[in-house]
Amino acid sequence: MADVSNGLMYEVLKQLPSDMVGAKDALRENTAALNALRTHMIARAQDIHNIYAILGRNDSRLERLERHLDIVEVA
């Protein structure tokens, strides 16, 4: 096994704080990106919910019109 001196260990350990800062920055960026995606997904889900609500209202109106005009098909 190779001899490892205290100086070499010290140099490696000295780099750890800057590496940790880089890792924390990357994690922060990933967290921000995930939050943005979550916001977009929630907005899209709300849009889909609104579309279904509008379609339901239109369907109800169409059924009332069909009954009023007496053009309801018998199944």
C-alpha atoms as a PDB file:
ATOM      1  CA  MET A   1       0.000   0.000   0.000  1.00  0.00           C
ATOM      2  CA  ALA A   2       1.267   3.466  -0.842  1.00  0.00           C
ATOM      3  CA  ASP A   3       2.456   5.702   1.929  1.00  0.00           C
ATOM      4  CA  VAL A   4       0.052   8.527   2.628  1.00  0.00           C
ATOM      5  CA  SER A   5       1.576  11.554   4.267  1.00  0.00           C
ATOM      6  CA  ASN A   6      -0.185  14.041   6.478  1.00  0.00           C
ATOM      7  CA  GLY A   7       0.526  16.761   3.923  1.00  0.00           C
ATOM      8  CA  LEU A   8      -1.258  14.834   1.171  1.00  0.00           C
ATOM      9  CA  MET A   9      -4.246  14.156   3.450  1.00  0.00           C
ATOM     10  CA  TYR A  10      -4.340  17.840   4.392  1.00  0.00           C
ATOM     11  CA  GLU A  11      -4.424  18.910   0.722  1.00  0.00           C
ATOM     12  CA  VAL A  12      -7.308  16.557  -0.011  1.00  0.00           C
ATOM     13  CA  LEU A  13      -9.231  17.675   3.071  1.00  0.00           C
ATOM     14  CA  LYS A  14      -8.631  21.346   2.191  1.00  0.00           C
ATOM     15  CA  GLN A  15     -10.586  20.886  -1.043  1.00  0.00           C
ATOM     16  CA  LEU A  16     -13.642  19.419   0.677  1.00  0.00           C
ATOM     17  CA  PRO A  17     -15.276  22.718   1.727  1.00  0.00           C
ATOM     18  CA  SER A  18     -15.191  24.118  -1.819  1.00  0.00           C
ATOM     19  CA  ASP A  19     -16.502  20.816  -3.176  1.00  0.00           C
ATOM     20  CA  MET A  20     -19.318  20.915  -0.616  1.00  0.00           C
ATOM     21  CA  VAL A  21     -20.225  24.464  -1.660  1.00  0.00           C
ATOM     22  CA  GLY A  22     -20.483  23.279  -5.272  1.00  0.00           C
ATOM     23  CA  ALA A  23     -22.641  20.334  -4.240  1.00  0.00           C
ATOM     24  CA  LYS A  24     -24.925  22.584  -2.177  1.00  0.00           C
ATOM     25  CA  ASP A  25     -25.269  25.012  -5.106  1.00  0.00           C
ATOM     26  CA  ALA A  26     -26.165  22.164  -7.457  1.00  0.00           C
ATOM     27  CA  LEU A  27     -28.706  20.842  -4.958  1.00  0.00           C
ATOM     28  CA  ARG A  28     -30.213  24.318  -4.582  1.00  0.00           C
ATOM     29  CA  GLU A  29     -30.538  24.621  -8.385  1.00  0.00           C
ATOM     30  CA  ASN A  30     -32.163  21.194  -8.626  1.00  0.00           C
ATOM     31  CA  THR A  31     -34.581  22.083  -5.843  1.00  0.00           C
ATOM     32  CA  ALA A  32     -35.545  25.312  -7.622  1.00  0.00           C
ATOM     33  CA  ALA A  33     -36.071  23.434 -10.890  1.00  0.00           C
ATOM     34  CA  LEU A  34     -38.244  20.823  -9.164  1.00  0.00           C
ATOM     35  CA  ASN A  35     -40.314  23.553  -7.514  1.00  0.00           C
ATOM     36  CA  ALA A  36     -40.830  25.212 -10.905  1.00  0.00           C
ATOM     37  CA  LEU A  37     -41.933  21.880 -12.405  1.00  0.00           C
ATOM     38  CA  ARG A  38     -44.282  21.285  -9.488  1.00  0.00           C
ATOM     39  CA  THR A  39     -45.828  24.729 -10.002  1.00  0.00           C
ATOM     40  CA  HIS A  40     -46.343  24.037 -13.711  1.00  0.00           C
ATOM     41  CA  MET A  41     -47.886  20.635 -12.987  1.00  0.00           C
ATOM     42  CA  ILE A  42     -50.316  22.143 -10.473  1.00  0.00           C
ATOM     43  CA  ALA A  43     -51.284  24.879 -12.946  1.00  0.00           C
ATOM     44  CA  ARG A  44     -51.827  22.313 -15.692  1.00  0.00           C
ATOM     45  CA  ALA A  45     -53.954  20.143 -13.401  1.00  0.00           C
ATOM     46  CA  GLN A  46     -56.082  23.171 -12.510  1.00  0.00           C
ATOM     47  CA  ASP A  47     -56.475  24.010 -16.208  1.00  0.00           C
ATOM     48  CA  ILE A  48     -57.632  20.449 -16.933  1.00  0.00           C
ATOM     49  CA  HIS A  49     -60.071  20.636 -14.014  1.00  0.00           C
ATOM     50  CA  ASN A  50     -61.484  23.899 -15.397  1.00  0.00           C
ATOM     51  CA  ILE A  51     -61.857  22.370 -18.864  1.00  0.00           C
ATOM     52  CA  TYR A  52     -63.786  19.416 -17.432  1.00  0.00           C
ATOM     53  CA  ALA A  53     -66.029  21.808 -15.494  1.00  0.00           C
ATOM     54  CA  ILE A  54     -66.773  23.797 -18.665  1.00  0.00           C
ATOM     55  CA  LEU A  55     -67.486  20.607 -20.610  1.00  0.00           C
ATOM     56  CA  GLY A  56     -69.831  19.445 -17.862  1.00  0.00           C
ATOM     57  CA  ARG A  57     -71.748  22.721 -17.942  1.00  0.00           C
ATOM     58  CA  ASN A  58     -71.981  22.592 -21.737  1.00  0.00           C
ATOM     59  CA  ASP A  59     -73.217  19.016 -21.572  1.00  0.00           C
ATOM     60  CA  SER A  60     -75.911  20.020 -19.063  1.00  0.00           C
ATOM     61  CA  ARG A  61     -77.001  22.920 -21.256  1.00  0.00           C
ATOM     62  CA  LEU A  62     -77.146  20.658 -24.307  1.00  0.00           C
ATOM     63  CA  GLU A  63     -79.284  18.125 -22.435  1.00  0.00           C
ATOM     64  CA  ARG A  64     -81.698  20.895 -21.356  1.00  0.00           C
ATOM     65  CA  LEU A  65     -81.910  22.168 -24.941  1.00  0.00           C
ATOM     66  CA  GLU A  66     -82.585  18.671 -26.261  1.00  0.00           C
ATOM     67  CA  ARG A  67     -85.369  18.179 -23.707  1.00  0.00           C
ATOM     68  CA  HIS A  68     -86.814  21.597 -24.463  1.00  0.00           C
ATOM     69  CA  LEU A  69     -86.808  20.937 -28.215  1.00  0.00           C
ATOM     70  CA  ASP A  70     -88.044  17.389 -27.636  1.00  0.00           C
ATOM     71  CA  ILE A  71     -85.200  15.850 -29.639  1.00  0.00           C
ATOM     72  CA  VAL A  72     -84.000  13.445 -26.988  1.00  0.00           C
ATOM     73  CA  GLU A  73     -83.074  10.037 -28.382  1.00  0.00           C
ATOM     74  CA  VAL A  74     -84.501   7.020 -26.615  1.00  0.00           C
ATOM     75  CA  ALA A  75     -81.823   4.457 -25.925  1.00  0.00           C
END
